[in-house]
Every structure is written in C-alpha cells, then in structure tokens.
Amino acid sequence: MGEMPHLKALVERHDASEFTVFGINTDADADMFRSRREEDGIHWPNIFAGGTDGEAPKAWGVRAYPTMYVLDAEGVIRAINPRGKELEAVVDKLVAEAAAGR
C-alpha cells in the first residue's frame, strides 16, 4: 500500500479523461476488499479477482504485488513497476504526449 499516496495524488491531479487507474484485487475476501477500498478512499475502477490464480493476474503475468503497468493512450505498455516519483513522471509524460497529439 506504499504506492497509494502517489496513486491518489495522480488521480486528483489529472482529469479522468487524461489518466485512469484500474485496480485488480487478489485478496480472498470480497467483503474485506470492499471495506478496505472504502477506508482507503479508492474511488477508481477496481475488480475483485478472488485470488492470485485468477484470469486477470495470469493474463498480465503478475508474479509479485503490487505490480503496476502504465499504458499509453494506444494501450501500449510504456512502463512496468514504476514507483513513487518515477510513476508520477511517467504518467505526466504520457498525459503531455496525449495532449500534444490531440
């Protein structure tokens, strides 16, 4: 959960049309997932996968948690597991690239 402050800051700083966080939760307890999501103020899209062997973790090759992928406006993976200020820099760069291309 150490990345949560950075994710929240990014979500607050960018319009939803510029940047979206999408989460996949692999905890075993759906009620706990919903409770923690509310307690932590996570309001971006999240799905509950119900475990680490679900379709989403397998499809994306998730082997450690948290795993983060940053995709550009075309859906191309541009960064894997950026953290902290690096995550903010990658997102800011891609938002600027997308804005320049409009």
Protein backbone atom coordinates (compact mmCIF):
# COMPACT_ATOMS: atom_id res chain seq x y z
CA MET A 1 0.00 0.00 0.00
CA GLY A 2 3.06 2.25 -0.06
CA GLU A 3 2.19 3.45 -3.56
CA MET A 4 -1.30 4.55 -2.56
CA PRO A 5 -0.36 8.18 -1.78
CA HIS A 6 1.23 8.52 -5.24
CA LEU A 7 -1.77 6.97 -6.98
CA LYS A 8 -4.19 9.21 -5.08
CA ALA A 9 -2.14 12.30 -5.97
CA LEU A 10 -2.11 11.34 -9.64
CA VAL A 11 -5.85 10.73 -9.70
CA GLU A 12 -6.50 14.06 -8.01
CA ARG A 13 -4.11 15.94 -10.29
CA HIS A 14 -5.41 14.62 -13.61
CA ASP A 15 -8.81 14.75 -15.21
CA ALA A 16 -10.39 11.33 -15.71
CA SER A 17 -10.15 11.80 -19.49
CA GLU A 18 -6.35 12.15 -19.18
CA PHE A 19 -5.48 9.39 -16.78
CA THR A 20 -7.14 6.36 -15.21
CA VAL A 21 -6.04 3.97 -12.51
CA PHE A 22 -7.51 0.48 -12.75
CA GLY A 23 -7.00 -1.98 -9.91
CA ILE A 24 -7.28 -5.74 -9.65
CA ASN A 25 -7.57 -7.03 -6.12
CA THR A 26 -6.45 -10.60 -5.49
CA ASP A 27 -7.39 -10.92 -1.83
CA ALA A 28 -9.55 -13.89 -0.92
CA ASP A 29 -12.27 -11.99 0.96
CA ALA A 30 -14.60 -9.79 -1.13
CA ASP A 31 -16.10 -8.07 1.90
CA MET A 32 -12.66 -7.10 3.18
CA PHE A 33 -11.76 -5.82 -0.31
CA ARG A 34 -14.84 -3.57 -0.37
CA SER A 35 -14.24 -2.36 3.17
CA ARG A 36 -10.54 -1.55 2.57
CA ARG A 37 -11.34 0.15 -0.72
CA GLU A 38 -13.78 2.44 1.09
CA GLU A 39 -11.49 3.02 4.10
CA ASP A 40 -8.55 3.86 1.84
CA GLY A 41 -10.61 6.21 -0.32
CA ILE A 42 -10.02 4.26 -3.51
CA HIS A 43 -12.60 5.53 -5.97
CA TRP A 44 -11.07 4.45 -9.26
CA PRO A 45 -12.22 1.28 -11.05
CA ASN A 46 -11.33 -1.94 -9.25
CA ILE A 47 -12.28 -5.53 -9.77
CA PHE A 48 -12.14 -8.35 -7.28
CA ALA A 49 -10.29 -11.39 -8.67
CA GLY A 50 -10.68 -13.56 -5.56
CA GLY A 51 -7.14 -14.87 -5.58
CA THR A 52 -3.79 -14.80 -7.31
CA ASP A 53 -4.60 -17.60 -9.73
CA GLY A 54 -7.47 -15.77 -11.44
CA GLU A 55 -7.67 -14.86 -15.11
CA ALA A 56 -6.51 -11.26 -14.77
CA PRO A 57 -3.29 -11.96 -12.81
CA LYS A 58 -2.43 -14.83 -15.18
CA ALA A 59 -3.19 -12.83 -18.33
CA TRP A 60 -0.96 -9.96 -17.21
CA GLY A 61 1.84 -12.17 -15.85
CA VAL A 62 1.55 -10.86 -12.31
CA ARG A 63 4.05 -12.60 -10.06
CA ALA A 64 4.51 -10.03 -7.27
CA TYR A 65 2.37 -7.43 -5.54
CA PRO A 66 1.89 -4.68 -6.27
CA THR A 67 2.50 -4.99 -10.00
CA MET A 68 2.00 -1.81 -11.97
CA TYR A 69 1.75 -1.31 -15.71
CA VAL A 70 1.48 2.12 -17.29
CA LEU A 71 -0.18 2.08 -20.69
CA ASP A 72 -0.27 4.93 -23.15
CA ALA A 73 -3.34 6.23 -24.98
CA GLU A 74 -2.94 3.48 -27.60
CA GLY A 75 -2.84 0.71 -24.98
CA VAL A 76 0.91 0.09 -25.32
CA ILE A 77 2.76 -0.76 -22.10
CA ARG A 78 5.24 2.07 -21.57
CA ALA A 79 6.45 1.26 -18.05
CA ILE A 80 6.41 -1.71 -15.71
CA ASN A 81 6.51 -1.21 -11.95
CA PRO A 82 7.43 2.46 -11.74
CA ARG A 83 7.34 3.66 -8.15
CA GLY A 84 6.90 6.99 -6.41
CA LYS A 85 8.23 9.98 -8.31
CA GLU A 86 9.12 7.76 -11.28
CA LEU A 87 5.45 6.77 -11.60
CA GLU A 88 4.40 10.42 -11.48
CA ALA A 89 6.98 11.35 -14.14
CA VAL A 90 5.90 8.54 -16.50
CA VAL A 91 2.23 9.47 -16.18
CA ASP A 92 2.90 13.19 -16.59
CA LYS A 93 4.94 12.49 -19.74
CA LEU A 94 2.22 10.30 -21.29
CA VAL A 95 -0.52 12.81 -20.45
CA ALA A 96 1.56 15.55 -22.12
CA GLU A 97 2.16 13.33 -25.19
CA ALA A 98 -1.56 12.59 -25.48
CA ALA A 99 -2.45 16.27 -25.16
CA ALA A 100 0.07 17.21 -27.86
CA GLY A 101 -1.42 14.60 -30.18
CA ARG A 102 -4.98 15.91 -29.93
